[in-house]
Amino acid sequence: MNAELLRILFETTLATSVAALLVLALRRLLMPRLGASVVYALWALVPVAGLAMLVPAPEAVPAPMMLAARIGALSPVAARAAQPETFAWTSFATALWAAGALATAMLFAWQQRRFQRRLAGSLPHGEGLRLARGSEGLPAVVGLLRPRIVLPADFETRYDAGERELILCHERIHVARRDLWANAVAATLRALFWFNPLLHYAAWRFRRDQELACDERVVARHPHRRRDYAGAMLKTQMAGSSLPVGCHWQASTPLKERIAMLKEHAPKPMRSMAGAAVVSLLLLGGGYTAWAAQPEKPQAWPALPGAENTDYSARIEFSADGGKPARFFAYKRFGETFTMVDAAGQGQPTIVATVQPVTFEGKLAFDVDMRIIEDGETIARPRLVARNGETASVRQGKERNGKFVGISVAFQVAARDANAALQQARPFAPAERTQKLTTASGAQVEIASKNMNPPRYPVAAAQQGISGKVLLVVDVAADGSVRGAEIEKSEPAGVFDAATLEAVKQWKFEPAFENGKPVAGRVRVPVDFTVEKEDGAGGVVPGSAG
């Protein structure tokens, strides 16, 4: 759940940020040509882009149901044991976001409450009007559900009759356009995306454009009273404090910019129609673009015959060497082994997996134990933990020249009956972090250990024409040097052991990589001792056996 919430948060943050940048870029172009009202309407693109990301994305069409898929080559020297995924970071990030959103919402509530406390004791002053005891930040429109215009205490004496008419016209336009609802949406977005400074700046710019659009409407209705309207602005006492859900005369809205706007001609009908068309196209196009840009969502679980007799369904996705992932579904019982083999028959690794229910942090999860097999040898034992219905992933391989070489496997497991699975679940016990053995082929040994010197062929064995094999287990340090070695198997026993152990001290390997950094590991190295029959000379071929 936490991971899904963070994904939605990331996608909506990206969409609203791009939309805000687009509006900020277009407003300078459109303001002198189409007017402030068009620019103000264009700000709707920000919430529209965010909402578009919540509309379900197109579903990805998975590969046909099968338990075989081609897997790309895996570098065995770099293969390593994978640790179970932990969920602490998602829980922490979710808690941090929730705390920030709550703190921002509380700040806005306090600002709203502080402003409205100053209006206590206001008196009725006509239909929809209240006369306050103070003057700062007034006149203003407050009340989301029942908007009312609050006038300053000296409204009748500060303004003449013509100015009062223009002031009331301004405030009634706010009410008619439902600007308080627009401000409530802006405050909500700021609380949800409190961590995004771009959105806070965009909200400040949005409020300024809101006032400019309102001024434009007033001038359009009273084109010959621009001077009176400018005089009314100069007489108004601006508010230093913020009103998150309301419309008031803010000090942050420069009078110079507003008075300059009064010099502009009122938009003509054709320009207004063109502006409406531009806004509509941008809203529709922007919303669709944000929706279409979402990553494909996996297709819903398919219904298959016999699925009711299984314990869980698994959506499995894996890729080789960073390529396009292959997807398929499996329906199995807990503890039942299933195999993903190379369907193309090209000798690629095979993945064998089992799934068991466990409890992780007090909740149902699944322990996915995998074996990666190449040439009949287990080269790695990745293990991961996936919560019920959530995705966990692991990578086996290394970074080479800035590109990942290896395989990536992701599991999403869902229990058919979560309660029944929880009854079977055992507490999850992380396995000790052990270095898994890998088997290096001859070519890989030659590449990985360029400084390798072959063992000396024992004289007695060469004279007697004895050939043999030695299987070494080598401890490789992070710098590729040899820290130790032992004989795992030798044929004939004891004949070639000493020569092999003496030589391995001089070898140099390419180390394994983890998170882009070299790490220590263990590797199996087969060494063949052969006698050439033609001239009786002995030869050593490291890594030719497997």
Protein backbone atom coordinates (compact mmCIF):
# COMPACT_ATOMS: atom_id res chain seq x y z
CA MET A 1 0.00 0.00 0.00
CA ASN A 2 2.80 2.42 0.91
CA ALA A 3 4.65 1.71 -2.33
CA GLU A 4 1.49 2.27 -4.39
CA LEU A 5 0.78 5.56 -2.60
CA LEU A 6 4.32 6.78 -3.22
CA ARG A 7 4.04 5.81 -6.87
CA ILE A 8 0.85 7.83 -7.25
CA LEU A 9 2.43 10.73 -5.38
CA PHE A 10 5.47 10.70 -7.65
CA GLU A 11 3.42 10.54 -10.84
CA THR A 12 1.01 13.31 -9.80
CA THR A 13 3.91 15.50 -8.62
CA LEU A 14 5.56 15.14 -12.00
CA ALA A 15 2.32 15.85 -13.88
CA THR A 16 1.35 18.93 -11.84
CA SER A 17 4.90 20.30 -12.02
CA VAL A 18 5.02 20.01 -15.80
CA ALA A 19 1.57 21.61 -16.05
CA ALA A 20 2.60 24.49 -13.76
CA LEU A 21 5.76 25.12 -15.79
CA LEU A 22 3.70 25.14 -18.99
CA VAL A 23 1.23 27.70 -17.61
CA LEU A 24 4.05 29.89 -16.25
CA ALA A 25 5.67 29.84 -19.68
CA LEU A 26 2.43 30.55 -21.58
CA ARG A 27 1.06 33.30 -19.35
CA ARG A 28 3.59 35.88 -20.58
CA LEU A 29 2.69 35.04 -24.15
CA LEU A 30 -1.07 34.95 -23.69
CA MET A 31 -1.63 37.80 -21.21
CA PRO A 32 -1.15 40.71 -23.68
CA ARG A 33 -2.88 38.86 -26.52
CA LEU A 34 -5.86 37.10 -24.95
CA GLY A 35 -6.23 38.82 -21.59
CA ALA A 36 -5.99 37.98 -17.90
CA SER A 37 -9.21 35.94 -17.82
CA VAL A 38 -7.80 33.43 -20.31
CA VAL A 39 -4.57 33.12 -18.32
CA TYR A 40 -6.55 32.64 -15.10
CA ALA A 41 -8.65 29.88 -16.68
CA LEU A 42 -5.48 28.22 -17.94
CA TRP A 43 -4.41 27.48 -14.35
CA ALA A 44 -7.05 24.73 -14.33
CA LEU A 45 -4.50 22.68 -16.28
CA VAL A 46 -2.58 21.97 -13.04
CA PRO A 47 -5.33 20.07 -11.16
CA VAL A 48 -6.56 18.51 -14.42
CA ALA A 49 -3.09 17.02 -15.04
CA GLY A 50 -3.01 15.66 -11.49
CA LEU A 51 -6.46 14.12 -11.79
CA ALA A 52 -5.57 12.59 -15.15
CA MET A 53 -2.85 10.57 -13.43
CA LEU A 54 -5.50 9.00 -11.18
CA VAL A 55 -7.49 7.69 -14.14
CA PRO A 56 -6.50 4.05 -14.72
CA ALA A 57 -3.73 3.75 -17.28
CA PRO A 58 -3.87 1.47 -20.34
CA GLU A 59 -3.31 -2.15 -19.39
CA ALA A 60 -0.21 -3.91 -20.59
CA VAL A 61 -0.85 -7.11 -22.50
CA PRO A 62 1.28 -9.85 -20.91
CA ALA A 63 2.91 -12.78 -22.59
CA PRO A 64 0.73 -15.89 -22.94
CA MET A 65 0.41 -18.01 -19.83
CA MET A 66 3.46 -20.24 -19.68
CA LEU A 67 6.21 -21.36 -17.40
CA ALA A 68 9.02 -20.95 -19.88
CA ALA A 69 10.67 -17.83 -21.18
CA ARG A 70 14.03 -16.94 -22.64
CA ILE A 71 16.49 -15.47 -20.19
CA GLY A 72 19.56 -13.53 -21.27
CA ALA A 73 23.14 -14.41 -20.39
CA LEU A 74 24.16 -14.06 -16.76
CA SER A 75 27.72 -13.23 -15.69
CA PRO A 76 28.35 -15.95 -13.13
CA VAL A 77 31.37 -14.31 -11.49
CA ALA A 78 29.17 -11.36 -10.58
CA ALA A 79 26.20 -13.37 -9.38
CA ARG A 80 25.45 -12.79 -5.73
CA ALA A 81 22.96 -13.69 -3.08
CA ALA A 82 20.06 -11.29 -2.90
CA GLN A 83 18.71 -10.15 0.43
CA PRO A 84 14.98 -9.90 1.14
CA GLU A 85 13.51 -6.52 0.33
CA THR A 86 12.69 -4.34 3.28
CA PHE A 87 9.77 -1.96 3.48
CA ALA A 88 11.08 0.44 6.08
CA TRP A 89 11.91 3.17 3.59
CA THR A 90 8.42 3.21 2.05
CA SER A 91 6.80 3.39 5.48
CA PHE A 92 9.13 6.21 6.51
CA ALA A 93 8.57 8.16 3.30
CA THR A 94 4.80 7.77 3.58
CA ALA A 95 4.82 8.90 7.20
CA LEU A 96 7.01 11.89 6.33
CA TRP A 97 4.69 12.94 3.51
CA ALA A 98 1.59 12.53 5.69
CA ALA A 99 3.18 14.58 8.48
CA GLY A 100 4.09 17.37 6.05
CA ALA A 101 0.62 17.40 4.50
CA LEU A 102 -1.02 17.51 7.92
CA ALA A 103 1.28 20.30 9.13
CA THR A 104 0.60 22.38 6.00
CA ALA A 105 -3.15 21.86 6.32
CA MET A 106 -3.00 22.91 9.98
CA LEU A 107 -1.05 26.04 9.03
CA PHE A 108 -3.67 26.98 6.45
CA ALA A 109 -6.45 26.33 8.96
CA TRP A 110 -4.72 28.56 11.51
CA GLN A 111 -4.30 31.37 8.93
CA GLN A 112 -7.95 31.06 7.93
CA ARG A 113 -9.09 31.08 11.53
CA ARG A 114 -6.91 34.07 12.44
CA PHE A 115 -8.30 36.14 9.56
CA GLN A 116 -11.89 35.23 10.33
CA ARG A 117 -11.46 35.98 14.05
CA ARG A 118 -10.83 39.60 13.09
CA LEU A 119 -14.24 39.61 11.44
CA ALA A 120 -16.03 38.70 14.66
CA GLY A 121 -18.75 41.16 15.50
CA SER A 122 -19.39 42.20 11.90
CA LEU A 123 -22.86 43.58 11.22
CA PRO A 124 -25.28 43.01 8.33
CA HIS A 125 -24.95 45.71 5.67
CA GLY A 126 -27.36 44.70 2.95
CA GLU A 127 -27.96 41.48 1.06
CA GLY A 128 -24.87 39.27 1.22
CA LEU A 129 -22.83 42.05 2.85
CA ARG A 130 -21.23 42.39 6.29
CA LEU A 131 -19.60 45.46 7.83
CA ALA A 132 -16.53 44.59 9.92
CA ARG A 133 -15.08 46.46 12.88
CA GLY A 134 -11.63 46.68 11.26
CA SER A 135 -10.20 47.51 7.86
CA GLU A 136 -7.04 45.47 7.18
CA GLY A 137 -7.33 43.26 4.10
CA LEU A 138 -10.91 44.35 3.47
CA PRO A 139 -13.10 44.18 1.51
CA ALA A 140 -12.96 40.39 1.21
CA VAL A 141 -15.08 37.39 0.27
CA VAL A 142 -15.21 34.59 2.85
CA GLY A 143 -17.33 31.48 3.33
CA LEU A 144 -16.85 28.54 0.99
CA LEU A 145 -20.41 27.20 1.23
CA ARG A 146 -22.16 30.51 1.94
CA PRO A 147 -19.96 33.24 0.49
CA ARG A 148 -20.42 36.72 1.89
CA ILE A 149 -18.71 40.02 1.20
CA VAL A 150 -17.14 41.64 4.27
CA LEU A 151 -16.58 45.40 4.02
CA PRO A 152 -14.21 47.57 6.09
CA ALA A 153 -15.64 49.58 8.97
CA ASP A 154 -15.07 52.88 7.14
CA PHE A 155 -16.42 51.65 3.81
CA GLU A 156 -18.99 54.43 3.55
CA THR A 157 -16.51 57.22 4.35
CA ARG A 158 -13.33 55.93 2.68
CA TYR A 159 -14.87 55.52 -0.77
CA ASP A 160 -17.24 57.75 -2.68
CA ALA A 161 -20.42 56.33 -4.21
CA GLY A 162 -18.82 55.48 -7.57
CA GLU A 163 -15.86 53.75 -5.94
CA ARG A 164 -18.14 51.74 -3.67
CA GLU A 165 -20.04 50.49 -6.69
CA LEU A 166 -16.81 49.35 -8.38
CA ILE A 167 -15.51 47.66 -5.22
CA LEU A 168 -18.75 45.72 -4.80
CA CYS A 169 -18.66 44.79 -8.50
CA HIS A 170 -15.15 43.36 -7.98
CA GLU A 171 -16.17 41.25 -4.99
CA ARG A 172 -19.37 40.00 -6.62
CA ILE A 173 -17.37 38.81 -9.61
CA HIS A 174 -15.31 36.68 -7.19
CA VAL A 175 -18.54 35.19 -5.85
CA ALA A 176 -20.06 34.62 -9.30
CA ARG A 177 -16.93 32.87 -10.62
CA ARG A 178 -16.71 30.71 -7.47
CA ASP A 179 -13.14 31.81 -6.93
CA LEU A 180 -13.24 30.57 -3.35
CA TRP A 181 -13.56 27.02 -4.64
CA ALA A 182 -10.59 27.58 -6.93
CA ASN A 183 -8.59 28.84 -3.95
CA ALA A 184 -9.66 25.81 -1.92
CA VAL A 185 -8.34 23.52 -4.67
CA ALA A 186 -5.07 25.47 -4.72
CA ALA A 187 -4.72 25.17 -0.94
CA THR A 188 -5.42 21.43 -1.13
CA LEU A 189 -2.75 20.93 -3.78
CA ARG A 190 -0.26 22.93 -1.71
CA ALA A 191 -0.96 20.74 1.32
CA LEU A 192 -0.68 17.49 -0.64
CA PHE A 193 2.48 18.58 -2.44
CA TRP A 194 3.99 20.59 0.39
CA PHE A 195 7.46 19.41 -0.60
CA ASN A 196 7.25 20.94 -4.10
CA PRO A 197 8.38 24.61 -4.09
CA LEU A 198 7.29 25.02 -7.70
CA LEU A 199 3.67 24.41 -6.74
CA HIS A 200 3.81 27.03 -3.96
CA TYR A 201 5.20 29.59 -6.39
CA ALA A 202 2.56 28.64 -8.96
CA ALA A 203 -0.19 29.12 -6.34
CA TRP A 204 1.12 32.60 -5.54
CA ARG A 205 1.15 33.47 -9.25
CA PHE A 206 -2.33 31.97 -9.64
CA ARG A 207 -3.75 34.27 -6.93
CA ARG A 208 -2.25 37.31 -8.65
CA ASP A 209 -3.74 36.28 -12.00
CA GLN A 210 -7.07 35.77 -10.24
CA GLU A 211 -7.13 39.41 -9.14
CA LEU A 212 -5.99 40.62 -12.56
CA ALA A 213 -8.79 38.64 -14.22
CA CYS A 214 -11.31 40.12 -11.81
CA ASP A 215 -10.04 43.63 -12.53
CA GLU A 216 -10.37 42.92 -16.25
CA ARG A 217 -14.03 41.97 -15.78
CA VAL A 218 -14.74 45.15 -13.78
CA VAL A 219 -13.17 47.34 -16.48
CA ALA A 220 -15.10 45.47 -19.18
CA ARG A 221 -18.36 46.32 -17.39
CA HIS A 222 -17.36 49.91 -16.63
CA PRO A 223 -14.96 50.89 -19.44
CA HIS A 224 -15.20 54.64 -18.77
CA ARG A 225 -14.49 54.46 -15.04
CA ARG A 226 -10.89 53.22 -15.02
CA ARG A 227 -9.67 56.26 -13.09
CA ASP A 228 -12.29 55.78 -10.37
CA TYR A 229 -11.35 52.11 -10.07
CA ALA A 230 -7.65 52.94 -9.77
CA GLY A 231 -8.49 55.45 -7.04
CA ALA A 232 -10.45 52.82 -5.14
CA MET A 233 -7.46 50.46 -5.30
CA LEU A 234 -5.15 53.11 -3.88
CA LYS A 235 -7.50 53.71 -0.95
CA THR A 236 -7.73 50.02 -0.03
CA GLN A 237 -5.68 48.80 2.93
CA MET A 238 -3.89 45.64 1.86
CA ALA A 239 -3.64 42.57 4.11
CA GLY A 240 -0.25 41.40 5.25
CA SER A 241 -1.57 38.01 6.35
CA SER A 242 -2.75 35.20 4.11
CA LEU A 243 -6.29 33.92 3.61
CA PRO A 244 -6.00 30.42 2.08
CA VAL A 245 -9.70 30.01 1.21
CA GLY A 246 -11.03 33.45 0.43
CA CYS A 247 -10.53 36.50 -1.77
CA HIS A 248 -9.05 39.61 -0.19
CA TRP A 249 -6.81 42.50 -1.12
CA GLN A 250 -3.32 41.10 -0.56
CA ALA A 251 -0.13 43.06 -0.19
CA SER A 252 1.55 40.39 -2.35
CA THR A 253 -0.48 41.54 -5.39
CA PRO A 254 1.39 44.67 -6.60
CA LEU A 255 -0.89 47.63 -7.25
CA LYS A 256 1.46 48.76 -10.00
CA GLU A 257 0.71 45.63 -12.03
CA ARG A 258 -3.03 45.88 -11.40
CA ILE A 259 -3.23 49.57 -12.31
CA ALA A 260 -1.19 48.91 -15.46
CA MET A 261 -3.76 46.30 -16.41
CA LEU A 262 -6.48 48.95 -16.31
CA LYS A 263 -4.88 50.61 -19.33
CA GLU A 264 -5.50 47.53 -21.47
CA HIS A 265 -8.56 47.44 -23.68
CA ALA A 266 -11.32 45.05 -22.73
CA PRO A 267 -11.19 41.79 -24.71
CA LYS A 268 -13.35 41.80 -27.81
CA PRO A 269 -15.81 38.94 -28.39
CA MET A 270 -13.61 37.30 -31.03
CA ARG A 271 -10.59 37.43 -28.74
CA SER A 272 -12.63 35.95 -25.90
CA MET A 273 -13.79 33.11 -28.16
CA ALA A 274 -10.22 32.46 -29.29
CA GLY A 275 -9.11 32.43 -25.66
CA ALA A 276 -11.82 29.94 -24.71
CA ALA A 277 -10.77 27.69 -27.59
CA VAL A 278 -7.10 27.85 -26.56
CA VAL A 279 -7.93 27.02 -22.94
CA SER A 280 -10.19 24.12 -23.95
CA LEU A 281 -7.58 22.62 -26.26
CA LEU A 282 -4.83 22.96 -23.66
CA LEU A 283 -6.95 21.41 -20.92
CA LEU A 284 -8.04 18.48 -23.09
CA GLY A 285 -4.62 17.99 -24.62
CA GLY A 286 -2.78 18.39 -21.34
CA GLY A 287 -5.08 16.02 -19.49
CA TYR A 288 -4.83 13.37 -22.19
CA THR A 289 -1.04 13.73 -22.40
CA ALA A 290 -0.69 13.28 -18.64
CA TRP A 291 -2.94 10.21 -18.73
CA ALA A 292 -1.19 8.67 -21.75
CA ALA A 293 2.25 9.28 -20.21
CA GLN A 294 1.52 6.90 -17.33
CA PRO A 295 3.48 3.65 -17.38
CA GLU A 296 1.43 0.69 -18.48
CA LYS A 297 -0.34 -1.10 -15.67
CA PRO A 298 -0.14 -4.88 -15.65
CA GLN A 299 -3.21 -6.64 -16.94
CA ALA A 300 -5.69 -7.96 -14.42
CA TRP A 301 -5.29 -11.52 -13.24
CA PRO A 302 -6.66 -13.88 -15.89
CA ALA A 303 -9.19 -16.52 -14.89
CA LEU A 304 -7.88 -19.99 -15.59
CA PRO A 305 -9.49 -23.42 -15.12
CA GLY A 306 -8.35 -25.07 -11.90
CA ALA A 307 -7.18 -21.82 -10.31
CA GLU A 308 -9.64 -22.36 -7.46
CA ASN A 309 -7.54 -25.33 -6.31
CA THR A 310 -4.41 -23.22 -5.79
CA ASP A 311 -3.21 -21.15 -2.84
CA TYR A 312 -1.91 -18.09 -4.63
CA SER A 313 -1.49 -16.38 -7.96
CA ALA A 314 1.82 -14.84 -8.99
CA ARG A 315 2.55 -12.25 -11.62
CA ILE A 316 6.19 -12.71 -12.62
CA GLU A 317 8.23 -10.32 -14.70
CA PHE A 318 11.85 -10.74 -15.66
CA SER A 319 14.30 -9.31 -18.13
CA ALA A 320 17.81 -10.06 -19.30
CA ASP A 321 20.58 -7.49 -19.59
CA GLY A 322 18.19 -4.59 -19.11
CA GLY A 323 16.00 -5.64 -22.04
CA LYS A 324 12.22 -5.55 -22.34
CA PRO A 325 10.66 -7.62 -19.56
CA ALA A 326 8.65 -10.78 -20.21
CA ARG A 327 5.49 -11.21 -18.12
CA PHE A 328 3.44 -14.25 -17.26
CA PHE A 329 1.21 -15.65 -14.54
CA ALA A 330 1.40 -18.71 -12.31
CA TYR A 331 -1.20 -20.34 -10.06
CA LYS A 332 0.38 -22.64 -7.48
CA ARG A 333 0.14 -24.11 -4.00
CA PHE A 334 2.45 -22.97 -1.24
CA GLY A 335 5.73 -24.86 -1.28
CA GLU A 336 5.14 -26.17 -4.80
CA THR A 337 8.16 -25.70 -7.04
CA PHE A 338 7.78 -24.21 -10.50
CA THR A 339 10.46 -23.70 -13.12
CA MET A 340 11.13 -21.01 -15.69
CA VAL A 341 13.26 -22.59 -18.38
CA ASP A 342 14.82 -21.47 -21.63
CA ALA A 343 12.05 -22.01 -24.15
CA ALA A 344 14.38 -21.21 -27.04
CA GLY A 345 16.80 -24.00 -26.10
CA GLN A 346 19.87 -21.80 -26.27
CA GLY A 347 21.46 -22.81 -22.98
CA GLN A 348 20.28 -19.84 -20.95
CA PRO A 349 19.94 -19.99 -17.15
CA THR A 350 16.93 -21.64 -15.54
CA ILE A 351 15.05 -20.19 -12.56
CA VAL A 352 13.44 -22.54 -10.05
CA ALA A 353 11.21 -20.93 -7.40
CA THR A 354 9.00 -21.77 -4.44
CA VAL A 355 6.67 -19.48 -2.49
CA GLN A 356 5.81 -19.81 1.20
CA PRO A 357 3.53 -17.58 3.33
CA VAL A 358 5.27 -15.66 6.13
CA THR A 359 4.48 -12.82 8.50
CA PHE A 360 6.59 -9.71 7.99
CA GLU A 361 6.18 -6.73 10.32
CA GLY A 362 2.94 -8.29 11.53
CA LYS A 363 1.40 -8.59 8.06
CA LEU A 364 1.00 -11.33 5.50
CA ALA A 365 3.90 -11.62 3.08
CA PHE A 366 5.50 -14.29 0.92
CA ASP A 367 9.01 -15.70 1.03
CA VAL A 368 10.10 -16.32 -2.56
CA ASP A 369 13.13 -18.61 -2.72
CA MET A 370 14.79 -18.95 -6.11
CA ARG A 371 17.67 -20.88 -7.60
CA ILE A 372 19.44 -19.77 -10.75
CA ILE A 373 20.88 -22.75 -12.59
CA GLU A 374 23.38 -22.75 -15.43
CA ASP A 375 24.94 -25.85 -16.98
CA GLY A 376 23.42 -27.94 -14.21
CA GLU A 377 25.09 -25.91 -11.43
CA THR A 378 23.34 -23.57 -9.00
CA ILE A 379 25.16 -20.27 -9.46
CA ALA A 380 23.02 -18.13 -7.11
CA ARG A 381 20.18 -18.34 -4.58
CA PRO A 382 18.22 -15.06 -4.71
CA ARG A 383 15.57 -14.60 -2.07
CA LEU A 384 13.01 -11.87 -1.66
CA VAL A 385 9.94 -11.06 0.41
CA ALA A 386 6.78 -9.63 -1.15
CA ARG A 387 3.79 -8.41 0.80
CA ASN A 388 0.39 -9.69 -0.21
CA GLY A 389 -0.58 -7.98 -3.46
CA GLU A 390 2.61 -5.90 -3.64
CA THR A 391 5.65 -6.24 -5.88
CA ALA A 392 9.17 -7.14 -4.80
CA SER A 393 12.16 -7.42 -7.12
CA VAL A 394 15.76 -8.55 -7.22
CA ARG A 395 18.60 -8.24 -9.71
CA GLN A 396 21.37 -10.76 -10.32
CA GLY A 397 24.37 -9.53 -12.26
CA LYS A 398 26.60 -6.50 -12.39
CA GLU A 399 27.14 -3.13 -14.01
CA ARG A 400 29.47 -3.30 -16.99
CA ASN A 401 30.41 -0.16 -18.90
CA GLY A 402 27.39 1.63 -17.48
CA LYS A 403 24.99 -1.14 -18.50
CA PHE A 404 23.46 -3.80 -16.30
CA VAL A 405 24.39 -7.33 -17.36
CA GLY A 406 22.33 -10.06 -15.76
CA ILE A 407 18.69 -10.75 -14.99
CA SER A 408 16.02 -8.82 -13.12
CA VAL A 409 13.13 -10.71 -11.54
CA ALA A 410 9.98 -9.18 -10.00
CA PHE A 411 7.24 -11.08 -8.18
CA GLN A 412 3.76 -9.96 -7.23
CA VAL A 413 2.02 -12.61 -5.16
CA ALA A 414 -1.62 -12.55 -4.06
CA ALA A 415 -3.21 -15.16 -1.81
CA ARG A 416 -6.56 -16.59 -2.86
CA ASP A 417 -7.59 -16.61 0.82
CA ALA A 418 -5.52 -14.17 2.87
CA ASN A 419 -6.88 -15.42 6.20
CA ALA A 420 -6.06 -19.03 5.38
CA ALA A 421 -2.59 -18.03 4.19
CA LEU A 422 -2.02 -16.07 7.40
CA GLN A 423 -2.86 -19.14 9.47
CA GLN A 424 -0.19 -21.11 7.61
CA ALA A 425 2.37 -18.31 7.75
CA ARG A 426 5.46 -18.53 9.91
CA PRO A 427 7.48 -15.51 11.10
CA PHE A 428 9.96 -14.48 8.47
CA ALA A 429 13.57 -15.31 9.42
CA PRO A 430 16.15 -13.60 7.18
CA ALA A 431 18.82 -15.95 5.97
CA GLU A 432 22.37 -15.20 6.93
CA ARG A 433 24.17 -13.21 4.29
CA THR A 434 26.43 -15.80 2.74
CA GLN A 435 28.48 -15.64 -0.40
CA LYS A 436 27.10 -18.05 -2.98
CA LEU A 437 29.46 -20.07 -5.13
CA THR A 438 29.56 -19.54 -8.86
CA THR A 439 31.10 -21.72 -11.51
CA ALA A 440 33.26 -19.98 -14.07
CA SER A 441 33.61 -21.38 -17.57
CA GLY A 442 36.98 -21.53 -19.28
CA ALA A 443 36.41 -18.42 -21.36
CA GLN A 444 35.26 -16.45 -18.34
CA VAL A 445 38.28 -17.50 -16.31
CA GLU A 446 40.60 -16.38 -19.07
CA ILE A 447 38.88 -13.00 -19.25
CA ALA A 448 38.50 -12.56 -15.52
CA SER A 449 42.05 -13.60 -14.58
CA LYS A 450 44.39 -12.23 -17.20
CA ASN A 451 47.32 -12.57 -14.84
CA MET A 452 46.67 -16.28 -14.24
CA ASN A 453 49.67 -18.57 -14.44
CA PRO A 454 48.82 -22.24 -15.01
CA PRO A 455 49.87 -24.79 -12.40
CA ARG A 456 53.09 -26.73 -13.00
CA TYR A 457 52.36 -30.24 -14.21
CA PRO A 458 53.73 -32.66 -11.61
CA VAL A 459 56.74 -34.43 -13.17
CA ALA A 460 55.73 -37.87 -11.89
CA ALA A 461 52.21 -37.52 -13.25
CA ALA A 462 53.51 -36.38 -16.63
CA GLN A 463 55.98 -39.26 -16.85
CA GLN A 464 53.23 -41.77 -16.02
CA GLY A 465 50.75 -40.14 -18.44
CA ILE A 466 48.25 -39.34 -15.70
CA SER A 467 45.53 -36.78 -16.49
CA GLY A 468 43.12 -35.38 -13.97
CA LYS A 469 40.72 -32.69 -12.81
CA VAL A 470 40.71 -30.33 -9.85
CA LEU A 471 37.73 -28.25 -8.74
CA LEU A 472 38.85 -25.23 -6.72
CA VAL A 473 36.79 -22.99 -4.46
CA VAL A 474 38.47 -19.58 -4.45
CA ASP A 475 37.78 -16.68 -2.09
CA VAL A 476 38.05 -13.51 -4.20
CA ALA A 477 38.60 -10.13 -2.53
CA ALA A 478 36.90 -6.94 -3.68
CA ASP A 479 40.04 -5.96 -5.60
CA GLY A 480 40.07 -9.29 -7.46
CA SER A 481 42.97 -10.80 -5.54
CA VAL A 482 42.84 -14.29 -4.04
CA ARG A 483 42.31 -14.40 -0.27
CA GLY A 484 42.22 -18.17 0.00
CA ALA A 485 41.43 -21.38 -1.83
CA GLU A 486 40.50 -24.96 -1.09
CA ILE A 487 40.11 -28.15 -3.05
CA GLU A 488 36.49 -29.18 -3.38
CA LYS A 489 37.12 -32.20 -5.57
CA SER A 490 40.09 -33.73 -7.38
CA GLU A 491 40.64 -36.72 -9.65
CA PRO A 492 42.86 -38.62 -8.97
CA ALA A 493 42.74 -37.54 -5.35
CA GLY A 494 45.83 -35.67 -4.13
CA VAL A 495 47.84 -35.87 -7.37
CA PHE A 496 47.36 -32.31 -8.62
CA ASP A 497 46.24 -30.55 -5.41
CA ALA A 498 49.55 -29.01 -4.33
CA ALA A 499 50.41 -27.68 -7.78
CA THR A 500 46.97 -26.11 -8.16
CA LEU A 501 46.96 -24.46 -4.72
CA GLU A 502 50.44 -23.03 -5.35
CA ALA A 503 49.39 -21.52 -8.66
CA VAL A 504 46.09 -20.03 -7.50
CA LYS A 505 47.92 -17.62 -5.18
CA GLN A 506 49.12 -15.71 -8.26
CA TRP A 507 45.76 -15.46 -9.97
CA LYS A 508 43.72 -12.30 -10.41
CA PHE A 509 39.94 -12.31 -10.87
CA GLU A 510 37.32 -9.80 -11.89
CA PRO A 511 35.34 -9.19 -8.65
CA ALA A 512 31.60 -9.31 -8.22
CA PHE A 513 29.68 -6.03 -8.16
CA GLU A 514 26.89 -4.98 -5.80
CA ASN A 515 25.13 -1.61 -6.15
CA GLY A 516 27.83 -0.58 -8.60
CA LYS A 517 30.71 -1.37 -6.21
CA PRO A 518 33.09 -4.35 -6.20
CA VAL A 519 32.49 -6.83 -3.38
CA ALA A 520 34.15 -10.00 -2.16
CA GLY A 521 32.83 -13.33 -3.38
CA ARG A 522 33.55 -17.00 -3.97
CA VAL A 523 34.03 -18.77 -7.28
CA ARG A 524 34.46 -22.35 -8.41
CA VAL A 525 37.25 -22.86 -10.92
CA PRO A 526 37.62 -26.23 -12.66
CA VAL A 527 41.15 -27.05 -13.86
CA ASP A 528 41.98 -29.87 -16.26
CA PHE A 529 45.37 -31.57 -16.36
CA THR A 530 45.86 -33.39 -19.66
CA VAL A 531 48.75 -35.26 -21.26
CA GLU A 532 49.29 -34.79 -24.97
CA LYS A 533 49.87 -38.28 -26.38
CA GLU A 534 51.87 -37.17 -29.40
CA ASP A 535 54.93 -35.83 -27.59
CA GLY A 536 54.21 -36.77 -23.98
CA ALA A 537 54.13 -33.15 -22.83
CA GLY A 538 51.65 -32.24 -20.13
CA GLY A 539 49.26 -29.34 -20.33
CA VAL A 540 46.95 -27.52 -17.96
CA VAL A 541 43.66 -26.03 -19.07
CA PRO A 542 42.10 -23.84 -16.37
CA GLY A 543 38.34 -23.63 -16.43
CA SER A 544 37.68 -26.15 -19.15
CA ALA A 545 35.70 -28.47 -16.92
CA GLY A 546 32.41 -27.73 -15.38
